[in-house]
Amino acid sequence: MSSKNEMKDVVQAEGESSSAFFERLRPSFLDWTPPTEEEKARELRARWLAREAELQRVTALDKAKEAEKAAIRKRREEALERAKALAAVRPPSE
């Protein structure tokens, strides 16, 4: 339903004054007030905390990924050393 149809469905209640009826129909955006300095500071702090939390999460993921890469690198180096040691032990077959 569009907003025009919704307005047509609203009827004044029995015994309701016209001023109360029109107050009930009044759009809420007309009552908007700008945020106070305290609210602005609270929102700013919340955004800062969310940013810090996201940064910590991303940093932890990066550290985990780097640790995994280092472990793979270490395993490859150890396998290469074992292969070299095994090749040195075996006499060349000719």
PDB file of N, CA and C in Angstrom:
ATOM      1  N   MET A   1       0.833  -1.188   0.000  1.00  0.00           N
ATOM      2  CA  MET A   1       0.000   0.000   0.000  1.00  0.00           C
ATOM      3  C   MET A   1       0.873   1.245   0.000  1.00  0.00           C
ATOM      4  N   SER A   2       0.444   2.247  -0.731  1.00  0.00           N
ATOM      5  CA  SER A   2       1.196   3.491  -0.730  1.00  0.00           C
ATOM      6  C   SER A   2       0.784   4.317   0.482  1.00  0.00           C
ATOM      7  N   SER A   3       1.578   5.332   0.767  1.00  0.00           N
ATOM      8  CA  SER A   3       1.288   6.153   1.934  1.00  0.00           C
ATOM      9  C   SER A   3      -0.009   6.942   1.763  1.00  0.00           C
ATOM     10  N   LYS A   4      -0.391   7.237   0.512  1.00  0.00           N
ATOM     11  CA  LYS A   4      -1.642   7.968   0.280  1.00  0.00           C
ATOM     12  C   LYS A   4      -2.840   7.114   0.702  1.00  0.00           C
ATOM     13  N   ASN A   5      -2.795   5.828   0.389  1.00  0.00           N
ATOM     14  CA  ASN A   5      -3.887   4.935   0.769  1.00  0.00           C
ATOM     15  C   ASN A   5      -3.962   4.774   2.279  1.00  0.00           C
ATOM     16  N   GLU A   6      -2.806   4.742   2.932  1.00  0.00           N
ATOM     17  CA  GLU A   6      -2.791   4.602   4.383  1.00  0.00           C
ATOM     18  C   GLU A   6      -3.462   5.793   5.053  1.00  0.00           C
ATOM     19  N   MET A   7      -3.260   6.960   4.506  1.00  0.00           N
ATOM     20  CA  MET A   7      -3.857   8.148   5.105  1.00  0.00           C
ATOM     21  C   MET A   7      -5.376   8.122   4.957  1.00  0.00           C
ATOM     22  N   LYS A   8      -5.881   7.538   3.883  1.00  0.00           N
ATOM     23  CA  LYS A   8      -7.321   7.475   3.681  1.00  0.00           C
ATOM     24  C   LYS A   8      -7.975   6.550   4.696  1.00  0.00           C
ATOM     25  N   ASP A   9      -7.238   5.539   5.161  1.00  0.00           N
ATOM     26  CA  ASP A   9      -7.786   4.571   6.092  1.00  0.00           C
ATOM     27  C   ASP A   9      -7.885   5.104   7.521  1.00  0.00           C
ATOM     28  N   VAL A  10      -7.176   6.184   7.832  1.00  0.00           N
ATOM     29  CA  VAL A  10      -7.186   6.724   9.183  1.00  0.00           C
ATOM     30  C   VAL A  10      -8.464   7.527   9.383  1.00  0.00           C
ATOM     31  N   VAL A  11      -9.196   7.178  10.423  1.00  0.00           N
ATOM     32  CA  VAL A  11     -10.436   7.891  10.724  1.00  0.00           C
ATOM     33  C   VAL A  11     -10.379   8.398  12.153  1.00  0.00           C
ATOM     34  N   GLN A  12     -11.119   9.442  12.377  1.00  0.00           N
ATOM     35  CA  GLN A  12     -11.166  10.030  13.714  1.00  0.00           C
ATOM     36  C   GLN A  12     -11.993   9.124  14.618  1.00  0.00           C
ATOM     37  N   ALA A  13     -11.410   8.816  15.782  1.00  0.00           N
ATOM     38  CA  ALA A  13     -12.107   7.946  16.737  1.00  0.00           C
ATOM     39  C   ALA A  13     -13.303   8.672  17.339  1.00  0.00           C
ATOM     40  N   GLU A  14     -14.258   7.890  17.772  1.00  0.00           N
ATOM     41  CA  GLU A  14     -15.465   8.455  18.398  1.00  0.00           C
ATOM     42  C   GLU A  14     -15.066   9.238  19.650  1.00  0.00           C
ATOM     43  N   GLY A  15     -15.458  10.475  19.729  1.00  0.00           N
ATOM     44  CA  GLY A  15     -15.188  11.302  20.891  1.00  0.00           C
ATOM     45  C   GLY A  15     -13.799  11.919  20.896  1.00  0.00           C
ATOM     46  N   GLU A  16     -12.987  11.657  19.867  1.00  0.00           N
ATOM     47  CA  GLU A  16     -11.634  12.225  19.805  1.00  0.00           C
ATOM     48  C   GLU A  16     -11.732  13.644  19.263  1.00  0.00           C
ATOM     49  N   SER A  17     -11.036  14.574  19.900  1.00  0.00           N
ATOM     50  CA  SER A  17     -11.070  15.951  19.427  1.00  0.00           C
ATOM     51  C   SER A  17     -10.285  16.066  18.128  1.00  0.00           C
ATOM     52  N   SER A  18     -10.630  17.069  17.365  1.00  0.00           N
ATOM     53  CA  SER A  18      -9.953  17.229  16.082  1.00  0.00           C
ATOM     54  C   SER A  18      -8.471  17.555  16.289  1.00  0.00           C
ATOM     55  N   SER A  19      -8.133  18.292  17.334  1.00  0.00           N
ATOM     56  CA  SER A  19      -6.720  18.611  17.571  1.00  0.00           C
ATOM     57  C   SER A  19      -5.942  17.346  17.929  1.00  0.00           C
ATOM     58  N   ALA A  20      -6.541  16.444  18.723  1.00  0.00           N
ATOM     59  CA  ALA A  20      -5.884  15.179  19.057  1.00  0.00           C
ATOM     60  C   ALA A  20      -5.751  14.306  17.818  1.00  0.00           C
ATOM     61  N   PHE A  21      -6.772  14.311  16.954  1.00  0.00           N
ATOM     62  CA  PHE A  21      -6.734  13.539  15.711  1.00  0.00           C
ATOM     63  C   PHE A  21      -5.597  14.018  14.815  1.00  0.00           C
ATOM     64  N   PHE A  22      -5.496  15.326  14.630  1.00  0.00           N
ATOM     65  CA  PHE A  22      -4.449  15.854  13.753  1.00  0.00           C
ATOM     66  C   PHE A  22      -3.059  15.719  14.390  1.00  0.00           C
ATOM     67  N   GLU A  23      -2.976  15.753  15.703  1.00  0.00           N
ATOM     68  CA  GLU A  23      -1.697  15.520  16.385  1.00  0.00           C
ATOM     69  C   GLU A  23      -1.232  14.084  16.143  1.00  0.00           C
ATOM     70  N   ARG A  24      -2.171  13.157  16.149  1.00  0.00           N
ATOM     71  CA  ARG A  24      -1.855  11.751  15.898  1.00  0.00           C
ATOM     72  C   ARG A  24      -1.398  11.547  14.449  1.00  0.00           C
ATOM     73  N   LEU A  25      -1.933  12.311  13.516  1.00  0.00           N
ATOM     74  CA  LEU A  25      -1.564  12.196  12.103  1.00  0.00           C
ATOM     75  C   LEU A  25      -0.273  12.922  11.763  1.00  0.00           C
ATOM     76  N   ARG A  26       0.182  13.780  12.641  1.00  0.00           N
ATOM     77  CA  ARG A  26       1.358  14.605  12.365  1.00  0.00           C
ATOM     78  C   ARG A  26       2.575  13.717  12.100  1.00  0.00           C
ATOM     79  N   PRO A  27       3.288  13.952  10.995  1.00  0.00           N
ATOM     80  CA  PRO A  27       4.481  13.141  10.689  1.00  0.00           C
ATOM     81  C   PRO A  27       5.564  13.329  11.749  1.00  0.00           C
ATOM     82  N   SER A  28       6.226  12.248  12.087  1.00  0.00           N
ATOM     83  CA  SER A  28       7.222  12.311  13.156  1.00  0.00           C
ATOM     84  C   SER A  28       8.462  13.106  12.759  1.00  0.00           C
ATOM     85  N   PHE A  29       8.759  13.207  11.449  1.00  0.00           N
ATOM     86  CA  PHE A  29       9.956  13.946  11.059  1.00  0.00           C
ATOM     87  C   PHE A  29       9.850  15.432  11.376  1.00  0.00           C
ATOM     88  N   LEU A  30       8.627  15.929  11.558  1.00  0.00           N
ATOM     89  CA  LEU A  30       8.462  17.337  11.916  1.00  0.00           C
ATOM     90  C   LEU A  30       8.914  17.615  13.348  1.00  0.00           C
ATOM     91  N   ASP A  31       8.956  16.584  14.174  1.00  0.00           N
ATOM     92  CA  ASP A  31       9.359  16.745  15.567  1.00  0.00           C
ATOM     93  C   ASP A  31      10.842  16.493  15.778  1.00  0.00           C
ATOM     94  N   TRP A  32      11.604  16.349  14.703  1.00  0.00           N
ATOM     95  CA  TRP A  32      13.029  16.045  14.803  1.00  0.00           C
ATOM     96  C   TRP A  32      13.769  17.194  15.471  1.00  0.00           C
ATOM     97  N   THR A  33      14.695  16.860  16.351  1.00  0.00           N
ATOM     98  CA  THR A  33      15.564  17.857  16.969  1.00  0.00           C
ATOM     99  C   THR A  33      17.001  17.445  16.695  1.00  0.00           C
ATOM    100  N   PRO A  34      17.871  18.405  16.482  1.00  0.00           N
ATOM    101  CA  PRO A  34      19.271  18.048  16.216  1.00  0.00           C
ATOM    102  C   PRO A  34      19.895  17.370  17.424  1.00  0.00           C
ATOM    103  N   PRO A  35      20.867  16.487  17.198  1.00  0.00           N
ATOM    104  CA  PRO A  35      21.492  15.789  18.324  1.00  0.00           C
ATOM    105  C   PRO A  35      22.258  16.757  19.219  1.00  0.00           C
ATOM    106  N   THR A  36      22.271  16.459  20.508  1.00  0.00           N
ATOM    107  CA  THR A  36      23.003  17.294  21.459  1.00  0.00           C
ATOM    108  C   THR A  36      24.493  16.973  21.350  1.00  0.00           C
ATOM    109  N   GLU A  37      25.301  17.779  21.966  1.00  0.00           N
ATOM    110  CA  GLU A  37      26.748  17.537  21.956  1.00  0.00           C
ATOM    111  C   GLU A  37      27.074  16.196  22.616  1.00  0.00           C
ATOM    112  N   GLU A  38      26.328  15.858  23.658  1.00  0.00           N
ATOM    113  CA  GLU A  38      26.547  14.583  24.344  1.00  0.00           C
ATOM    114  C   GLU A  38      26.232  13.405  23.413  1.00  0.00           C
ATOM    115  N   GLU A  39      25.125  13.513  22.678  1.00  0.00           N
ATOM    116  CA  GLU A  39      24.766  12.452  21.727  1.00  0.00           C
ATOM    117  C   GLU A  39      25.806  12.340  20.610  1.00  0.00           C
ATOM    118  N   LYS A  40      26.280  13.480  20.131  1.00  0.00           N
ATOM    119  CA  LYS A  40      27.316  13.471  19.094  1.00  0.00           C
ATOM    120  C   LYS A  40      28.588  12.801  19.612  1.00  0.00           C
ATOM    121  N   ALA A  41      28.967  13.137  20.838  1.00  0.00           N
ATOM    122  CA  ALA A  41      30.170  12.550  21.426  1.00  0.00           C
ATOM    123  C   ALA A  41      29.999  11.046  21.621  1.00  0.00           C
ATOM    124  N   ARG A  42      28.811  10.623  22.053  1.00  0.00           N
ATOM    125  CA  ARG A  42      28.532   9.199  22.247  1.00  0.00           C
ATOM    126  C   ARG A  42      28.612   8.443  20.916  1.00  0.00           C
ATOM    127  N   GLU A  43      28.042   9.007  19.857  1.00  0.00           N
ATOM    128  CA  GLU A  43      28.094   8.377  18.532  1.00  0.00           C
ATOM    129  C   GLU A  43      29.526   8.328  18.008  1.00  0.00           C
ATOM    130  N   LEU A  44      30.269   9.400  18.227  1.00  0.00           N
ATOM    131  CA  LEU A  44      31.662   9.441  17.790  1.00  0.00           C
ATOM    132  C   LEU A  44      32.481   8.373  18.507  1.00  0.00           C
ATOM    133  N   ARG A  45      32.267   8.232  19.798  1.00  0.00           N
ATOM    134  CA  ARG A  45      32.974   7.205  20.581  1.00  0.00           C
ATOM    135  C   ARG A  45      32.594   5.802  20.101  1.00  0.00           C
ATOM    136  N   ALA A  46      31.306   5.592  19.818  1.00  0.00           N
ATOM    137  CA  ALA A  46      30.852   4.282  19.333  1.00  0.00           C
ATOM    138  C   ALA A  46      31.497   3.956  17.991  1.00  0.00           C
ATOM    139  N   ARG A  47      31.577   4.928  17.092  1.00  0.00           N
ATOM    140  CA  ARG A  47      32.228   4.700  15.789  1.00  0.00           C
ATOM    141  C   ARG A  47      33.707   4.404  15.977  1.00  0.00           C
ATOM    142  N   TRP A  48      34.353   5.125  16.886  1.00  0.00           N
ATOM    143  CA  TRP A  48      35.779   4.914  17.132  1.00  0.00           C
ATOM    144  C   TRP A  48      36.017   3.506  17.689  1.00  0.00           C
ATOM    145  N   LEU A  49      35.181   3.094  18.645  1.00  0.00           N
ATOM    146  CA  LEU A  49      35.323   1.756  19.227  1.00  0.00           C
ATOM    147  C   LEU A  49      35.091   0.671  18.177  1.00  0.00           C
ATOM    148  N   ALA A  50      34.094   0.876  17.322  1.00  0.00           N
ATOM    149  CA  ALA A  50      33.820  -0.105  16.262  1.00  0.00           C
ATOM    150  C   ALA A  50      35.009  -0.187  15.298  1.00  0.00           C
ATOM    151  N   ARG A  51      35.587   0.951  14.985  1.00  0.00           N
ATOM    152  CA  ARG A  51      36.751   0.979  14.087  1.00  0.00           C
ATOM    153  C   ARG A  51      37.932   0.263  14.721  1.00  0.00           C
ATOM    154  N   GLU A  52      38.170   0.501  16.001  1.00  0.00           N
ATOM    155  CA  GLU A  52      39.262  -0.156  16.709  1.00  0.00           C
ATOM    156  C   GLU A  52      39.049  -1.671  16.769  1.00  0.00           C
ATOM    157  N   ALA A  53      37.818  -2.088  17.022  1.00  0.00           N
ATOM    158  CA  ALA A  53      37.514  -3.519  17.079  1.00  0.00           C
ATOM    159  C   ALA A  53      37.758  -4.169  15.726  1.00  0.00           C
ATOM    160  N   GLU A  54      37.344  -3.502  14.660  1.00  0.00           N
ATOM    161  CA  GLU A  54      37.562  -4.034  13.308  1.00  0.00           C
ATOM    162  C   GLU A  54      39.053  -4.098  12.994  1.00  0.00           C
ATOM    163  N   LEU A  55      39.793  -3.088  13.403  1.00  0.00           N
ATOM    164  CA  LEU A  55      41.239  -3.081  13.174  1.00  0.00           C
ATOM    165  C   LEU A  55      41.911  -4.228  13.918  1.00  0.00           C
ATOM    166  N   GLN A  56      41.501  -4.470  15.156  1.00  0.00           N
ATOM    167  CA  GLN A  56      42.068  -5.592  15.918  1.00  0.00           C
ATOM    168  C   GLN A  56      41.727  -6.926  15.270  1.00  0.00           C
ATOM    169  N   ARG A  57      40.503  -7.057  14.779  1.00  0.00           N
ATOM    170  CA  ARG A  57      40.090  -8.295  14.125  1.00  0.00           C
ATOM    171  C   ARG A  57      40.923  -8.543  12.863  1.00  0.00           C
ATOM    172  N   VAL A  58      41.086  -7.523  12.053  1.00  0.00           N
ATOM    173  CA  VAL A  58      41.853  -7.656  10.813  1.00  0.00           C
ATOM    174  C   VAL A  58      43.322  -7.924  11.125  1.00  0.00           C
ATOM    175  N   THR A  59      43.862  -7.272  12.141  1.00  0.00           N
ATOM    176  CA  THR A  59      45.252  -7.490  12.525  1.00  0.00           C
ATOM    177  C   THR A  59      45.459  -8.925  12.996  1.00  0.00           C
ATOM    178  N   ALA A  60      44.529  -9.442  13.784  1.00  0.00           N
ATOM    179  CA  ALA A  60      44.626 -10.828  14.256  1.00  0.00           C
ATOM    180  C   ALA A  60      44.565 -11.807  13.087  1.00  0.00           C
ATOM    181  N   LEU A  61      43.686 -11.542  12.121  1.00  0.00           N
ATOM    182  CA  LEU A  61      43.606 -12.399  10.939  1.00  0.00           C
ATOM    183  C   LEU A  61      44.907 -12.364  10.149  1.00  0.00           C
ATOM    184  N   ASP A  62      45.485 -11.177  10.017  1.00  0.00           N
ATOM    185  CA  ASP A  62      46.738 -11.036   9.280  1.00  0.00           C
ATOM    186  C   ASP A  62      47.869 -11.775   9.989  1.00  0.00           C
ATOM    187  N   LYS A  63      47.925 -11.655  11.308  1.00  0.00           N
ATOM    188  CA  LYS A  63      48.962 -12.368  12.064  1.00  0.00           C
ATOM    189  C   LYS A  63      48.804 -13.871  11.917  1.00  0.00           C
ATOM    190  N   ALA A  64      47.569 -14.359  11.957  1.00  0.00           N
ATOM    191  CA  ALA A  64      47.326 -15.788  11.805  1.00  0.00           C
ATOM    192  C   ALA A  64      47.748 -16.264  10.418  1.00  0.00           C
ATOM    193  N   LYS A  65      47.449 -15.460   9.416  1.00  0.00           N
ATOM    194  CA  LYS A  65      47.816 -15.818   8.045  1.00  0.00           C
ATOM    195  C   LYS A  65      49.332 -15.828   7.880  1.00  0.00           C
ATOM    196  N   GLU A  66      49.995 -14.841   8.451  1.00  0.00           N
ATOM    197  CA  GLU A  66      51.464 -14.794   8.373  1.00  0.00           C
ATOM    198  C   GLU A  66      52.082 -15.969   9.122  1.00  0.00           C
ATOM    199  N   ALA A  67      51.520 -16.334  10.268  1.00  0.00           N
ATOM    200  CA  ALA A  67      52.030 -17.473  11.031  1.00  0.00           C
ATOM    201  C   ALA A  67      51.859 -18.761  10.228  1.00  0.00           C
ATOM    202  N   GLU A  68      50.741 -18.896   9.543  1.00  0.00           N
ATOM    203  CA  GLU A  68      50.513 -20.078   8.713  1.00  0.00           C
ATOM    204  C   GLU A  68      51.517 -20.133   7.557  1.00  0.00           C
ATOM    205  N   LYS A  69      51.775 -18.984   6.941  1.00  0.00           N
ATOM    206  CA  LYS A  69      52.759 -18.934   5.853  1.00  0.00           C
ATOM    207  C   LYS A  69      54.143 -19.304   6.371  1.00  0.00           C
ATOM    208  N   ALA A  70      54.503 -18.804   7.560  1.00  0.00           N
ATOM    209  CA  ALA A  70      55.805 -19.112   8.139  1.00  0.00           C
ATOM    210  C   ALA A  70      55.921 -20.605   8.439  1.00  0.00           C
ATOM    211  N   ALA A  71      54.839 -21.212   8.930  1.00  0.00           N
ATOM    212  CA  ALA A  71      54.856 -22.650   9.225  1.00  0.00           C
ATOM    213  C   ALA A  71      55.035 -23.460   7.945  1.00  0.00           C
ATOM    214  N   ILE A  72      54.352 -23.058   6.878  1.00  0.00           N
ATOM    215  CA  ILE A  72      54.505 -23.752   5.592  1.00  0.00           C
ATOM    216  C   ILE A  72      55.924 -23.599   5.080  1.00  0.00           C
ATOM    217  N   ARG A  73      56.466 -22.382   5.186  1.00  0.00           N
ATOM    218  CA  ARG A  73      57.838 -22.117   4.745  1.00  0.00           C
ATOM    219  C   ARG A  73      58.829 -22.993   5.522  1.00  0.00           C
ATOM    220  N   LYS A  74      58.616 -23.093   6.831  1.00  0.00           N
ATOM    221  CA  LYS A  74      59.502 -23.898   7.682  1.00  0.00           C
ATOM    222  C   LYS A  74      59.423 -25.376   7.294  1.00  0.00           C
ATOM    223  N   ARG A  75      58.203 -25.872   7.060  1.00  0.00           N
ATOM    224  CA  ARG A  75      58.054 -27.275   6.657  1.00  0.00           C
ATOM    225  C   ARG A  75      58.759 -27.546   5.329  1.00  0.00           C
ATOM    226  N   ARG A  76      58.663 -26.620   4.388  1.00  0.00           N
ATOM    227  CA  ARG A  76      59.321 -26.793   3.090  1.00  0.00           C
ATOM    228  C   ARG A  76      60.839 -26.811   3.249  1.00  0.00           C
ATOM    229  N   GLU A  77      61.355 -25.900   4.088  1.00  0.00           N
ATOM    230  CA  GLU A  77      62.807 -25.860   4.313  1.00  0.00           C
ATOM    231  C   GLU A  77      63.289 -27.157   4.966  1.00  0.00           C
ATOM    232  N   GLU A  78      62.518 -27.653   5.947  1.00  0.00           N
ATOM    233  CA  GLU A  78      62.895 -28.906   6.609  1.00  0.00           C
ATOM    234  C   GLU A  78      62.847 -30.076   5.626  1.00  0.00           C
ATOM    235  N   ALA A  79      61.862 -30.115   4.772  1.00  0.00           N
ATOM    236  CA  ALA A  79      61.755 -31.180   3.777  1.00  0.00           C
ATOM    237  C   ALA A  79      62.919 -31.099   2.798  1.00  0.00           C
ATOM    238  N   LEU A  80      63.300 -29.892   2.427  1.00  0.00           N
ATOM    239  CA  LEU A  80      64.433 -29.714   1.516  1.00  0.00           C
ATOM    240  C   LEU A  80      65.723 -30.179   2.177  1.00  0.00           C
ATOM    241  N   GLU A  81      65.902 -29.834   3.460  1.00  0.00           N
ATOM    242  CA  GLU A  81      67.100 -30.287   4.187  1.00  0.00           C
ATOM    243  C   GLU A  81      67.132 -31.804   4.308  1.00  0.00           C
ATOM    244  N   ARG A  82      65.968 -32.420   4.596  1.00  0.00           N
ATOM    245  CA  ARG A  82      65.913 -33.881   4.670  1.00  0.00           C
ATOM    246  C   ARG A  82      66.254 -34.508   3.321  1.00  0.00           C
ATOM    247  N   ALA A  83      65.774 -33.927   2.256  1.00  0.00           N
ATOM    248  CA  ALA A  83      66.051 -34.453   0.916  1.00  0.00           C
ATOM    249  C   ALA A  83      67.538 -34.326   0.599  1.00  0.00           C
ATOM    250  N   LYS A  84      68.151 -33.201   0.999  1.00  0.00           N
ATOM    251  CA  LYS A  84      69.589 -33.016   0.765  1.00  0.00           C
ATOM    252  C   LYS A  84      70.396 -34.017   1.588  1.00  0.00           C
ATOM    253  N   ALA A  85      69.979 -34.217   2.837  1.00  0.00           N
ATOM    254  CA  ALA A  85      70.682 -35.167   3.708  1.00  0.00           C
ATOM    255  C   ALA A  85      70.534 -36.579   3.166  1.00  0.00           C
ATOM    256  N   LEU A  86      69.372 -36.915   2.702  1.00  0.00           N
ATOM    257  CA  LEU A  86      69.138 -38.245   2.139  1.00  0.00           C
ATOM    258  C   LEU A  86      69.947 -38.433   0.860  1.00  0.00           C
ATOM    259  N   ALA A  87      70.054 -37.394   0.065  1.00  0.00           N
ATOM    260  CA  ALA A  87      70.836 -37.474  -1.173  1.00  0.00           C
ATOM    261  C   ALA A  87      72.314 -37.601  -0.855  1.00  0.00           C
ATOM    262  N   ALA A  88      72.771 -36.975   0.220  1.00  0.00           N
ATOM    263  CA  ALA A  88      74.193 -37.054   0.588  1.00  0.00           C
ATOM    264  C   ALA A  88      74.527 -38.428   1.126  1.00  0.00           C
ATOM    265  N   VAL A  89      73.586 -39.112   1.782  1.00  0.00           N
ATOM    266  CA  VAL A  89      73.818 -40.422   2.350  1.00  0.00           C
ATOM    267  C   VAL A  89      73.868 -41.485   1.251  1.00  0.00           C
ATOM    268  N   ARG A  90      73.021 -41.371   0.277  1.00  0.00           N
ATOM    269  CA  ARG A  90      72.968 -42.345  -0.810  1.00  0.00           C
ATOM    270  C   ARG A  90      74.134 -42.091  -1.776  1.00  0.00           C
ATOM    271  N   PRO A  91      74.786 -43.149  -2.133  1.00  0.00           N
ATOM    272  CA  PRO A  91      75.833 -42.957  -3.160  1.00  0.00           C
ATOM    273  C   PRO A  91      75.161 -42.784  -4.519  1.00  0.00           C
ATOM    274  N   PRO A  92      75.756 -42.024  -5.362  1.00  0.00           N
ATOM    275  CA  PRO A  92      75.170 -41.830  -6.687  1.00  0.00           C
ATOM    276  C   PRO A  92      75.171 -43.159  -7.442  1.00  0.00           C
ATOM    277  N   SER A  93      74.062 -43.491  -7.988  1.00  0.00           N
ATOM    278  CA  SER A  93      73.951 -44.750  -8.723  1.00  0.00           C
ATOM    279  C   SER A  93      74.289 -44.503 -10.192  1.00  0.00           C
ATOM    280  N   GLU A  94      75.329 -45.173 -10.612  1.00  0.00           N
ATOM    281  CA  GLU A  94      75.752 -45.006 -11.998  1.00  0.00           C
ATOM    282  C   GLU A  94      75.760 -46.313 -12.696  1.00  0.00           C
TER     283      GLU A  94
END
